[in-house]
Amino acid sequence: MNIAENMTRLQEQLVSRHAKPQTLAMVDKYITLAQRMGGNEHTSQLRVLQRLMRAPEAAKDTTIYNDLAGLEEVLDGIRAENAREREAMENRPIPKTKKFYKEQKARKQKS
C-alpha cells in the first residue's frame, strides 16, 4: 500500500476510535497532500503514523498527539501479536517425510 492508502486507513481507524476533529482535519490535510504527490512508496501503517506524530501540528497540539499515540499503541500491539504468531508458526515441529522413515527402517535392517 502506498502512503495515501495507509493514511486513509489510519483516518478510518481514528474515526472508529472517536478521535478529536482537529486530529481528523490534520490527517485529512496530509491525505490530500499525499494524493497530490502520488508516488508508489510502500510502507507500513505504523511507520506512516509515526511520521504523522512528528508533524508540526501534532507537536503543537497535545490532543492530536494523544489521539495518534493511542492508535500507535493499538497498531504496535497488533504488530507484536503478528510477530508472535509468525514465530510460533516457524518454531512448530515439522512432520518427518515418508523418505525419512524409509531410510530409518533401512538403517535398522542393516544393523
PDB file of N, CA and C in Angstrom:
ATOM      1  N   MET A   1       0.828  -1.178   0.000  1.00  0.00           N
ATOM      2  CA  MET A   1       0.000   0.000   0.000  1.00  0.00           C
ATOM      3  C   MET A   1       0.874   1.243   0.000  1.00  0.00           C
ATOM      4  N   ASN A   2       0.417   2.249  -0.718  1.00  0.00           N
ATOM      5  CA  ASN A   2       1.181   3.492  -0.702  1.00  0.00           C
ATOM      6  C   ASN A   2       0.762   4.350   0.493  1.00  0.00           C
ATOM      7  N   ILE A   3       1.434   5.459   0.647  1.00  0.00           N
ATOM      8  CA  ILE A   3       1.246   6.294   1.833  1.00  0.00           C
ATOM      9  C   ILE A   3      -0.180   6.837   1.930  1.00  0.00           C
ATOM     10  N   ALA A   4      -0.751   7.286   0.805  1.00  0.00           N
ATOM     11  CA  ALA A   4      -2.102   7.849   0.832  1.00  0.00           C
ATOM     12  C   ALA A   4      -3.126   6.801   1.288  1.00  0.00           C
ATOM     13  N   GLU A   5      -2.982   5.565   0.799  1.00  0.00           N
ATOM     14  CA  GLU A   5      -3.905   4.499   1.208  1.00  0.00           C
ATOM     15  C   GLU A   5      -3.744   4.180   2.693  1.00  0.00           C
ATOM     16  N   ASN A   6      -2.504   4.158   3.154  1.00  0.00           N
ATOM     17  CA  ASN A   6      -2.272   3.910   4.583  1.00  0.00           C
ATOM     18  C   ASN A   6      -2.864   5.022   5.433  1.00  0.00           C
ATOM     19  N   MET A   7      -2.725   6.260   4.993  1.00  0.00           N
ATOM     20  CA  MET A   7      -3.293   7.381   5.749  1.00  0.00           C
ATOM     21  C   MET A   7      -4.816   7.294   5.782  1.00  0.00           C
ATOM     22  N   THR A   8      -5.413   6.870   4.678  1.00  0.00           N
ATOM     23  CA  THR A   8      -6.866   6.716   4.637  1.00  0.00           C
ATOM     24  C   THR A   8      -7.306   5.658   5.645  1.00  0.00           C
ATOM     25  N   ARG A   9      -6.584   4.554   5.697  1.00  0.00           N
ATOM     26  CA  ARG A   9      -6.915   3.514   6.679  1.00  0.00           C
ATOM     27  C   ARG A   9      -6.717   4.022   8.105  1.00  0.00           C
ATOM     28  N   LEU A  10      -5.648   4.786   8.325  1.00  0.00           N
ATOM     29  CA  LEU A  10      -5.419   5.356   9.649  1.00  0.00           C
ATOM     30  C   LEU A  10      -6.551   6.295  10.033  1.00  0.00           C
ATOM     31  N   GLN A  11      -7.018   7.082   9.064  1.00  0.00           N
ATOM     32  CA  GLN A  11      -8.113   8.001   9.333  1.00  0.00           C
ATOM     33  C   GLN A  11      -9.377   7.233   9.724  1.00  0.00           C
ATOM     34  N   GLU A  12      -9.643   6.131   9.028  1.00  0.00           N
ATOM     35  CA  GLU A  12     -10.808   5.313   9.365  1.00  0.00           C
ATOM     36  C   GLU A  12     -10.695   4.759  10.791  1.00  0.00           C
ATOM     37  N   GLN A  13      -9.502   4.341  11.152  1.00  0.00           N
ATOM     38  CA  GLN A  13      -9.302   3.822  12.499  1.00  0.00           C
ATOM     39  C   GLN A  13      -9.441   4.928  13.543  1.00  0.00           C
ATOM     40  N   LEU A  14      -8.964   6.115  13.217  1.00  0.00           N
ATOM     41  CA  LEU A  14      -9.116   7.244  14.140  1.00  0.00           C
ATOM     42  C   LEU A  14     -10.586   7.606  14.326  1.00  0.00           C
ATOM     43  N   VAL A  15     -11.350   7.553  13.245  1.00  0.00           N
ATOM     44  CA  VAL A  15     -12.786   7.837  13.337  1.00  0.00           C
ATOM     45  C   VAL A  15     -13.454   6.801  14.238  1.00  0.00           C
ATOM     46  N   SER A  16     -13.084   5.534  14.070  1.00  0.00           N
ATOM     47  CA  SER A  16     -13.700   4.494  14.898  1.00  0.00           C
ATOM     48  C   SER A  16     -13.279   4.615  16.358  1.00  0.00           C
ATOM     49  N   ARG A  17     -12.136   5.254  16.621  1.00  0.00           N
ATOM     50  CA  ARG A  17     -11.677   5.464  17.992  1.00  0.00           C
ATOM     51  C   ARG A  17     -12.164   6.804  18.556  1.00  0.00           C
ATOM     52  N   HIS A  18     -13.017   7.486  17.810  1.00  0.00           N
ATOM     53  CA  HIS A  18     -13.598   8.771  18.226  1.00  0.00           C
ATOM     54  C   HIS A  18     -12.518   9.830  18.474  1.00  0.00           C
ATOM     55  N   ALA A  19     -11.628   9.982  17.489  1.00  0.00           N
ATOM     56  CA  ALA A  19     -10.566  10.986  17.596  1.00  0.00           C
ATOM     57  C   ALA A  19     -11.176  12.385  17.504  1.00  0.00           C
ATOM     58  N   LYS A  20     -10.449  13.335  18.003  1.00  0.00           N
ATOM     59  CA  LYS A  20     -10.893  14.736  18.000  1.00  0.00           C
ATOM     60  C   LYS A  20     -10.931  15.282  16.571  1.00  0.00           C
ATOM     61  N   PRO A  21     -11.804  16.265  16.316  1.00  0.00           N
ATOM     62  CA  PRO A  21     -11.927  16.839  14.959  1.00  0.00           C
ATOM     63  C   PRO A  21     -10.615  17.419  14.430  1.00  0.00           C
ATOM     64  N   GLN A  22      -9.812  18.032  15.298  1.00  0.00           N
ATOM     65  CA  GLN A  22      -8.566  18.611  14.816  1.00  0.00           C
ATOM     66  C   GLN A  22      -7.589  17.523  14.352  1.00  0.00           C
ATOM     67  N   THR A  23      -7.649  16.346  14.967  1.00  0.00           N
ATOM     68  CA  THR A  23      -6.799  15.229  14.534  1.00  0.00           C
ATOM     69  C   THR A  23      -7.228  14.766  13.155  1.00  0.00           C
ATOM     70  N   LEU A  24      -8.532  14.612  12.972  1.00  0.00           N
ATOM     71  CA  LEU A  24      -9.050  14.171  11.680  1.00  0.00           C
ATOM     72  C   LEU A  24      -8.756  15.199  10.592  1.00  0.00           C
ATOM     73  N   ALA A  25      -8.845  16.471  10.929  1.00  0.00           N
ATOM     74  CA  ALA A  25      -8.544  17.527   9.956  1.00  0.00           C
ATOM     75  C   ALA A  25      -7.076  17.479   9.545  1.00  0.00           C
ATOM     76  N   MET A  26      -6.187  17.254  10.498  1.00  0.00           N
ATOM     77  CA  MET A  26      -4.767  17.178  10.184  1.00  0.00           C
ATOM     78  C   MET A  26      -4.472  15.989   9.273  1.00  0.00           C
ATOM     79  N   VAL A  27      -5.031  14.830   9.603  1.00  0.00           N
ATOM     80  CA  VAL A  27      -4.809  13.637   8.789  1.00  0.00           C
ATOM     81  C   VAL A  27      -5.384  13.840   7.398  1.00  0.00           C
ATOM     82  N   ASP A  28      -6.557  14.466   7.317  1.00  0.00           N
ATOM     83  CA  ASP A  28      -7.170  14.745   6.019  1.00  0.00           C
ATOM     84  C   ASP A  28      -6.275  15.651   5.174  1.00  0.00           C
ATOM     85  N   LYS A  29      -5.670  16.643   5.810  1.00  0.00           N
ATOM     86  CA  LYS A  29      -4.758  17.549   5.110  1.00  0.00           C
ATOM     87  C   LYS A  29      -3.583  16.770   4.516  1.00  0.00           C
ATOM     88  N   TYR A  30      -3.011  15.863   5.297  1.00  0.00           N
ATOM     89  CA  TYR A  30      -1.872  15.091   4.809  1.00  0.00           C
ATOM     90  C   TYR A  30      -2.277  14.042   3.781  1.00  0.00           C
ATOM     91  N   ILE A  31      -3.515  13.559   3.850  1.00  0.00           N
ATOM     92  CA  ILE A  31      -4.001  12.622   2.827  1.00  0.00           C
ATOM     93  C   ILE A  31      -4.067  13.326   1.476  1.00  0.00           C
ATOM     94  N   THR A  32      -4.658  14.534   1.456  1.00  0.00           N
ATOM     95  CA  THR A  32      -4.753  15.258   0.182  1.00  0.00           C
ATOM     96  C   THR A  32      -3.367  15.601  -0.347  1.00  0.00           C
ATOM     97  N   LEU A  33      -2.447  15.932   0.529  1.00  0.00           N
ATOM     98  CA  LEU A  33      -1.072  16.215   0.107  1.00  0.00           C
ATOM     99  C   LEU A  33      -0.424  14.965  -0.479  1.00  0.00           C
ATOM    100  N   ALA A  34      -0.604  13.821   0.164  1.00  0.00           N
ATOM    101  CA  ALA A  34      -0.024  12.565  -0.322  1.00  0.00           C
ATOM    102  C   ALA A  34      -0.644  12.145  -1.652  1.00  0.00           C
ATOM    103  N   GLN A  35      -1.946  12.393  -1.817  1.00  0.00           N
ATOM    104  CA  GLN A  35      -2.593  12.049  -3.080  1.00  0.00           C
ATOM    105  C   GLN A  35      -2.089  12.921  -4.217  1.00  0.00           C
ATOM    106  N   ARG A  36      -1.852  14.200  -3.927  1.00  0.00           N
ATOM    107  CA  ARG A  36      -1.313  15.098  -4.953  1.00  0.00           C
ATOM    108  C   ARG A  36       0.108  14.711  -5.341  1.00  0.00           C
ATOM    109  N   MET A  37       0.887  14.301  -4.340  1.00  0.00           N
ATOM    110  CA  MET A  37       2.280  13.942  -4.597  1.00  0.00           C
ATOM    111  C   MET A  37       2.375  12.622  -5.356  1.00  0.00           C
ATOM    112  N   GLY A  38       1.386  11.758  -5.180  1.00  0.00           N
ATOM    113  CA  GLY A  38       1.413  10.462  -5.848  1.00  0.00           C
ATOM    114  C   GLY A  38       2.458   9.577  -5.212  1.00  0.00           C
ATOM    115  N   GLY A  39       3.191   8.885  -6.038  1.00  0.00           N
ATOM    116  CA  GLY A  39       4.260   8.025  -5.544  1.00  0.00           C
ATOM    117  C   GLY A  39       3.772   6.629  -5.232  1.00  0.00           C
ATOM    118  N   ASN A  40       4.690   5.721  -5.306  1.00  0.00           N
ATOM    119  CA  ASN A  40       4.372   4.318  -5.045  1.00  0.00           C
ATOM    120  C   ASN A  40       5.153   3.778  -3.864  1.00  0.00           C
ATOM    121  N   GLU A  41       5.549   4.663  -2.962  1.00  0.00           N
ATOM    122  CA  GLU A  41       6.317   4.224  -1.806  1.00  0.00           C
ATOM    123  C   GLU A  41       5.449   3.336  -0.933  1.00  0.00           C
ATOM    124  N   HIS A  42       5.944   2.145  -0.677  1.00  0.00           N
ATOM    125  CA  HIS A  42       5.211   1.198   0.157  1.00  0.00           C
ATOM    126  C   HIS A  42       5.815   1.215   1.554  1.00  0.00           C
ATOM    127  N   THR A  43       4.967   1.391   2.534  1.00  0.00           N
ATOM    128  CA  THR A  43       5.413   1.424   3.916  1.00  0.00           C
ATOM    129  C   THR A  43       4.274   0.971   4.809  1.00  0.00           C
ATOM    130  N   SER A  44       4.585   0.648   6.036  1.00  0.00           N
ATOM    131  CA  SER A  44       3.567   0.135   6.954  1.00  0.00           C
ATOM    132  C   SER A  44       2.738   1.278   7.547  1.00  0.00           C
ATOM    133  N   GLN A  45       1.571   0.909   8.053  1.00  0.00           N
ATOM    134  CA  GLN A  45       0.712   1.905   8.699  1.00  0.00           C
ATOM    135  C   GLN A  45       1.389   2.486   9.928  1.00  0.00           C
ATOM    136  N   LEU A  46       2.101   1.650  10.650  1.00  0.00           N
ATOM    137  CA  LEU A  46       2.781   2.120  11.854  1.00  0.00           C
ATOM    138  C   LEU A  46       3.832   3.168  11.508  1.00  0.00           C
ATOM    139  N   ARG A  47       4.569   2.948  10.435  1.00  0.00           N
ATOM    140  CA  ARG A  47       5.596   3.911  10.011  1.00  0.00           C
ATOM    141  C   ARG A  47       4.952   5.232   9.594  1.00  0.00           C
ATOM    142  N   VAL A  48       3.843   5.159   8.850  1.00  0.00           N
ATOM    143  CA  VAL A  48       3.135   6.374   8.428  1.00  0.00           C
ATOM    144  C   VAL A  48       2.612   7.122   9.648  1.00  0.00           C
ATOM    145  N   LEU A  49       2.067   6.387  10.613  1.00  0.00           N
ATOM    146  CA  LEU A  49       1.555   7.009  11.824  1.00  0.00           C
ATOM    147  C   LEU A  49       2.669   7.698  12.601  1.00  0.00           C
ATOM    148  N   GLN A  50       3.823   7.073  12.679  1.00  0.00           N
ATOM    149  CA  GLN A  50       4.946   7.684  13.382  1.00  0.00           C
ATOM    150  C   GLN A  50       5.402   8.964  12.683  1.00  0.00           C
ATOM    151  N   ARG A  51       5.324   8.980  11.363  1.00  0.00           N
ATOM    152  CA  ARG A  51       5.645  10.214  10.627  1.00  0.00           C
ATOM    153  C   ARG A  51       4.627  11.309  10.933  1.00  0.00           C
ATOM    154  N   LEU A  52       3.357  10.934  11.020  1.00  0.00           N
ATOM    155  CA  LEU A  52       2.326  11.914  11.354  1.00  0.00           C
ATOM    156  C   LEU A  52       2.529  12.468  12.759  1.00  0.00           C
ATOM    157  N   MET A  53       3.017  11.636  13.661  1.00  0.00           N
ATOM    158  CA  MET A  53       3.236  12.091  15.036  1.00  0.00           C
ATOM    159  C   MET A  53       4.356  13.133  15.110  1.00  0.00           C
ATOM    160  N   ARG A  54       5.230  13.136  14.104  1.00  0.00           N
ATOM    161  CA  ARG A  54       6.312  14.117  14.076  1.00  0.00           C
ATOM    162  C   ARG A  54       5.933  15.388  13.318  1.00  0.00           C
ATOM    163  N   ALA A  55       4.695  15.440  12.827  1.00  0.00           N
ATOM    164  CA  ALA A  55       4.241  16.624  12.089  1.00  0.00           C
ATOM    165  C   ALA A  55       4.155  17.822  13.031  1.00  0.00           C
ATOM    166  N   PRO A  56       4.344  19.026  12.501  1.00  0.00           N
ATOM    167  CA  PRO A  56       4.281  20.226  13.361  1.00  0.00           C
ATOM    168  C   PRO A  56       2.959  20.384  14.105  1.00  0.00           C
ATOM    169  N   GLU A  57       1.861  20.014  13.454  1.00  0.00           N
ATOM    170  CA  GLU A  57       0.555  20.133  14.101  1.00  0.00           C
ATOM    171  C   GLU A  57       0.468  19.255  15.344  1.00  0.00           C
ATOM    172  N   ALA A  58       1.034  18.043  15.251  1.00  0.00           N
ATOM    173  CA  ALA A  58       0.993  17.118  16.382  1.00  0.00           C
ATOM    174  C   ALA A  58       1.904  17.602  17.504  1.00  0.00           C
ATOM    175  N   ALA A  59       2.997  18.248  17.135  1.00  0.00           N
ATOM    176  CA  ALA A  59       3.920  18.761  18.156  1.00  0.00           C
ATOM    177  C   ALA A  59       3.307  19.932  18.919  1.00  0.00           C
ATOM    178  N   LYS A  60       2.493  20.714  18.233  1.00  0.00           N
ATOM    179  CA  LYS A  60       1.885  21.888  18.869  1.00  0.00           C
ATOM    180  C   LYS A  60       0.659  21.553  19.715  1.00  0.00           C
ATOM    181  N   ASP A  61      -0.098  20.548  19.285  1.00  0.00           N
ATOM    182  CA  ASP A  61      -1.383  20.232  19.929  1.00  0.00           C
ATOM    183  C   ASP A  61      -1.317  18.860  20.589  1.00  0.00           C
ATOM    184  N   THR A  62      -1.421  18.825  21.904  1.00  0.00           N
ATOM    185  CA  THR A  62      -1.308  17.554  22.621  1.00  0.00           C
ATOM    186  C   THR A  62      -2.492  16.620  22.365  1.00  0.00           C
ATOM    187  N   THR A  63      -3.665  17.162  22.058  1.00  0.00           N
ATOM    188  CA  THR A  63      -4.811  16.281  21.792  1.00  0.00           C
ATOM    189  C   THR A  63      -4.589  15.494  20.504  1.00  0.00           C
ATOM    190  N   ILE A  64      -4.018  16.153  19.503  1.00  0.00           N
ATOM    191  CA  ILE A  64      -3.701  15.451  18.252  1.00  0.00           C
ATOM    192  C   ILE A  64      -2.670  14.367  18.535  1.00  0.00           C
ATOM    193  N   TYR A  65      -1.628  14.742  19.248  1.00  0.00           N
ATOM    194  CA  TYR A  65      -0.564  13.787  19.550  1.00  0.00           C
ATOM    195  C   TYR A  65      -1.102  12.605  20.356  1.00  0.00           C
ATOM    196  N   ASN A  66      -1.962  12.875  21.324  1.00  0.00           N
ATOM    197  CA  ASN A  66      -2.516  11.805  22.147  1.00  0.00           C
ATOM    198  C   ASN A  66      -3.399  10.865  21.337  1.00  0.00           C
ATOM    199  N   ASP A  67      -4.195  11.404  20.405  1.00  0.00           N
ATOM    200  CA  ASP A  67      -5.002  10.553  19.534  1.00  0.00           C
ATOM    201  C   ASP A  67      -4.106   9.637  18.709  1.00  0.00           C
ATOM    202  N   LEU A  68      -3.056  10.214  18.134  1.00  0.00           N
ATOM    203  CA  LEU A  68      -2.141   9.432  17.304  1.00  0.00           C
ATOM    204  C   LEU A  68      -1.368   8.414  18.146  1.00  0.00           C
ATOM    205  N   ALA A  69      -0.962   8.804  19.349  1.00  0.00           N
ATOM    206  CA  ALA A  69      -0.223   7.891  20.230  1.00  0.00           C
ATOM    207  C   ALA A  69      -1.099   6.714  20.665  1.00  0.00           C
ATOM    208  N   GLY A  70      -2.378   6.961  20.910  1.00  0.00           N
ATOM    209  CA  GLY A  70      -3.297   5.882  21.265  1.00  0.00           C
ATOM    210  C   GLY A  70      -3.432   4.868  20.145  1.00  0.00           C
ATOM    211  N   LEU A  71      -3.522   5.371  18.922  1.00  0.00           N
ATOM    212  CA  LEU A  71      -3.612   4.481  17.766  1.00  0.00           C
ATOM    213  C   LEU A  71      -2.292   3.749  17.562  1.00  0.00           C
ATOM    214  N   GLU A  72      -1.185   4.429  17.827  1.00  0.00           N
ATOM    215  CA  GLU A  72       0.124   3.773  17.695  1.00  0.00           C
ATOM    216  C   GLU A  72       0.223   2.593  18.646  1.00  0.00           C
ATOM    217  N   GLU A  73      -0.278   2.751  19.844  1.00  0.00           N
ATOM    218  CA  GLU A  73      -0.246   1.672  20.827  1.00  0.00           C
ATOM    219  C   GLU A  73      -1.027   0.462  20.326  1.00  0.00           C
ATOM    220  N   VAL A  74      -2.181   0.712  19.731  1.00  0.00           N
ATOM    221  CA  VAL A  74      -3.002  -0.372  19.196  1.00  0.00           C
ATOM    222  C   VAL A  74      -2.280  -1.076  18.051  1.00  0.00           C
ATOM    223  N   LEU A  75      -1.747  -0.297  17.106  1.00  0.00           N
ATOM    224  CA  LEU A  75      -1.056  -0.883  15.954  1.00  0.00           C
ATOM    225  C   LEU A  75       0.199  -1.633  16.380  1.00  0.00           C
ATOM    226  N   ASP A  76       0.905  -1.112  17.380  1.00  0.00           N
ATOM    227  CA  ASP A  76       2.104  -1.782  17.873  1.00  0.00           C
ATOM    228  C   ASP A  76       1.737  -3.106  18.528  1.00  0.00           C
ATOM    229  N   GLY A  77       0.611  -3.141  19.230  1.00  0.00           N
ATOM    230  CA  GLY A  77       0.133  -4.390  19.826  1.00  0.00           C
ATOM    231  C   GLY A  77      -0.217  -5.419  18.773  1.00  0.00           C
ATOM    232  N   ILE A  78      -0.857  -4.978  17.702  1.00  0.00           N
ATOM    233  CA  ILE A  78      -1.202  -5.877  16.601  1.00  0.00           C
ATOM    234  C   ILE A  78       0.058  -6.414  15.943  1.00  0.00           C
ATOM    235  N   ARG A  79       1.052  -5.526  15.754  1.00  0.00           N
ATOM    236  CA  ARG A  79       2.311  -5.940  15.135  1.00  0.00           C
ATOM    237  C   ARG A  79       3.015  -6.976  16.003  1.00  0.00           C
ATOM    238  N   ALA A  80       3.024  -6.762  17.309  1.00  0.00           N
ATOM    239  CA  ALA A  80       3.668  -7.703  18.225  1.00  0.00           C
ATOM    240  C   ALA A  80       2.950  -9.048  18.221  1.00  0.00           C
ATOM    241  N   GLU A  81       1.629  -9.014  18.170  1.00  0.00           N
ATOM    242  CA  GLU A  81       0.852 -10.252  18.133  1.00  0.00           C
ATOM    243  C   GLU A  81       1.130 -11.025  16.844  1.00  0.00           C
ATOM    244  N   ASN A  82       1.199 -10.316  15.724  1.00  0.00           N
ATOM    245  CA  ASN A  82       1.518 -10.962  14.454  1.00  0.00           C
ATOM    246  C   ASN A  82       2.918 -11.566  14.477  1.00  0.00           C
ATOM    247  N   ALA A  83       3.858 -10.879  15.101  1.00  0.00           N
ATOM    248  CA  ALA A  83       5.223 -11.395  15.201  1.00  0.00           C
ATOM    249  C   ALA A  83       5.246 -12.673  16.047  1.00  0.00           C
ATOM    250  N   ARG A  84       4.480 -12.695  17.141  1.00  0.00           N
ATOM    251  CA  ARG A  84       4.413 -13.900  17.977  1.00  0.00           C
ATOM    252  C   ARG A  84       3.806 -15.065  17.192  1.00  0.00           C
ATOM    253  N   GLU A  85       2.749 -14.792  16.448  1.00  0.00           N
ATOM    254  CA  GLU A  85       2.119 -15.850  15.646  1.00  0.00           C
ATOM    255  C   GLU A  85       3.083 -16.378  14.593  1.00  0.00           C
ATOM    256  N   ARG A  86       3.805 -15.466  13.941  1.00  0.00           N
ATOM    257  CA  ARG A  86       4.765 -15.854  12.915  1.00  0.00           C
ATOM    258  C   ARG A  86       5.878 -16.715  13.525  1.00  0.00           C
ATOM    259  N   GLU A  87       6.359 -16.310  14.702  1.00  0.00           N
ATOM    260  CA  GLU A  87       7.414 -17.065  15.374  1.00  0.00           C
ATOM    261  C   GLU A  87       6.922 -18.447  15.785  1.00  0.00           C
ATOM    262  N   ALA A  88       5.695 -18.522  16.295  1.00  0.00           N
ATOM    263  CA  ALA A  88       5.131 -19.815  16.679  1.00  0.00           C
ATOM    264  C   ALA A  88       4.978 -20.718  15.462  1.00  0.00           C
ATOM    265  N   MET A  89       4.606 -20.131  14.338  1.00  0.00           N
ATOM    266  CA  MET A  89       4.444 -20.906  13.108  1.00  0.00           C
ATOM    267  C   MET A  89       5.787 -21.441  12.627  1.00  0.00           C
ATOM    268  N   GLU A  90       6.829 -20.608  12.751  1.00  0.00           N
ATOM    269  CA  GLU A  90       8.159 -21.030  12.309  1.00  0.00           C
ATOM    270  C   GLU A  90       8.770 -22.067  13.238  1.00  0.00           C
ATOM    271  N   ASN A  91       8.423 -22.031  14.521  1.00  0.00           N
ATOM    272  CA  ASN A  91       9.014 -22.938  15.502  1.00  0.00           C
ATOM    273  C   ASN A  91       8.197 -24.198  15.741  1.00  0.00           C
ATOM    274  N   ARG A  92       7.117 -24.363  15.039  1.00  0.00           N
ATOM    275  CA  ARG A  92       6.306 -25.562  15.246  1.00  0.00           C
ATOM    276  C   ARG A  92       7.069 -26.783  14.722  1.00  0.00           C
ATOM    277  N   PRO A  93       6.804 -27.940  15.290  1.00  0.00           N
ATOM    278  CA  PRO A  93       7.500 -29.145  14.828  1.00  0.00           C
ATOM    279  C   PRO A  93       7.056 -29.506  13.410  1.00  0.00           C
ATOM    280  N   ILE A  94       8.030 -29.846  12.607  1.00  0.00           N
ATOM    281  CA  ILE A  94       7.748 -30.204  11.218  1.00  0.00           C
ATOM    282  C   ILE A  94       7.673 -31.724  11.131  1.00  0.00           C
ATOM    283  N   PRO A  95       6.609 -32.267  10.547  1.00  0.00           N
ATOM    284  CA  PRO A  95       6.486 -33.723  10.456  1.00  0.00           C
ATOM    285  C   PRO A  95       7.576 -34.310   9.559  1.00  0.00           C
ATOM    286  N   LYS A  96       7.991 -35.509   9.902  1.00  0.00           N
ATOM    287  CA  LYS A  96       9.013 -36.207   9.123  1.00  0.00           C
ATOM    288  C   LYS A  96       8.398 -36.694   7.820  1.00  0.00           C
ATOM    289  N   THR A  97       9.216 -36.767   6.801  1.00  0.00           N
ATOM    290  CA  THR A  97       8.734 -37.227   5.499  1.00  0.00           C
ATOM    291  C   THR A  97       8.723 -38.758   5.454  1.00  0.00           C
ATOM    292  N   LYS A  98       8.048 -39.291   4.482  1.00  0.00           N
ATOM    293  CA  LYS A  98       7.991 -40.737   4.286  1.00  0.00           C
ATOM    294  C   LYS A  98       9.393 -41.279   3.996  1.00  0.00           C
ATOM    295  N   LYS A  99      10.167 -40.479   3.285  1.00  0.00           N
ATOM    296  CA  LYS A  99      11.537 -40.852   2.949  1.00  0.00           C
ATOM    297  C   LYS A  99      12.371 -41.042   4.216  1.00  0.00           C
ATOM    298  N   PHE A 100      12.177 -40.170   5.210  1.00  0.00           N
ATOM    299  CA  PHE A 100      12.911 -40.281   6.479  1.00  0.00           C
ATOM    300  C   PHE A 100      12.651 -41.633   7.130  1.00  0.00           C
ATOM    301  N   TYR A 101      11.388 -42.030   7.187  1.00  0.00           N
ATOM    302  CA  TYR A 101      11.042 -43.288   7.838  1.00  0.00           C
ATOM    303  C   TYR A 101      11.542 -44.491   7.044  1.00  0.00           C
ATOM    304  N   LYS A 102      11.559 -44.407   5.720  1.00  0.00           N
ATOM    305  CA  LYS A 102      12.106 -45.490   4.899  1.00  0.00           C
ATOM    306  C   LYS A 102      13.600 -45.648   5.149  1.00  0.00           C
ATOM    307  N   GLU A 103      14.299 -44.510   5.214  1.00  0.00           N
ATOM    308  CA  GLU A 103      15.742 -44.566   5.475  1.00  0.00           C
ATOM    309  C   GLU A 103      16.014 -45.098   6.874  1.00  0.00           C
ATOM    310  N   GLN A 104      15.209 -44.716   7.838  1.00  0.00           N
ATOM    311  CA  GLN A 104      15.368 -45.196   9.200  1.00  0.00           C
ATOM    312  C   GLN A 104      15.151 -46.705   9.263  1.00  0.00           C
ATOM    313  N   LYS A 105      14.157 -47.194   8.569  1.00  0.00           N
ATOM    314  CA  LYS A 105      13.873 -48.615   8.533  1.00  0.00           C
ATOM    315  C   LYS A 105      15.019 -49.364   7.871  1.00  0.00           C
ATOM    316  N   ALA A 106      15.562 -48.793   6.776  1.00  0.00           N
ATOM    317  CA  ALA A 106      16.678 -49.426   6.081  1.00  0.00           C
ATOM    318  C   ALA A 106      17.916 -49.493   6.976  1.00  0.00           C
ATOM    319  N   ARG A 107      18.184 -48.465   7.767  1.00  0.00           N
ATOM    320  CA  ARG A 107      19.333 -48.471   8.690  1.00  0.00           C
ATOM    321  C   ARG A 107      19.169 -49.535   9.769  1.00  0.00           C
ATOM    322  N   LYS A 108      17.949 -49.675  10.277  1.00  0.00           N
ATOM    323  CA  LYS A 108      17.698 -50.680  11.314  1.00  0.00           C
ATOM    324  C   LYS A 108      17.880 -52.091  10.764  1.00  0.00           C
ATOM    325  N   GLN A 109      17.478 -52.314   9.507  1.00  0.00           N
ATOM    326  CA  GLN A 109      17.608 -53.630   8.910  1.00  0.00           C
ATOM    327  C   GLN A 109      19.075 -53.973   8.657  1.00  0.00           C
ATOM    328  N   LYS A 110      19.917 -52.966   8.368  1.00  0.00           N
ATOM    329  CA  LYS A 110      21.336 -53.199   8.137  1.00  0.00           C
ATOM    330  C   LYS A 110      22.058 -53.539   9.442  1.00  0.00           C
ATOM    331  N   SER A 111      21.556 -53.022  10.542  1.00  0.00           N
ATOM    332  CA  SER A 111      22.223 -53.232  11.829  1.00  0.00           C
ATOM    333  C   SER A 111      21.985 -54.583  12.411  1.00  0.00           C
TER     334      SER A 111
END
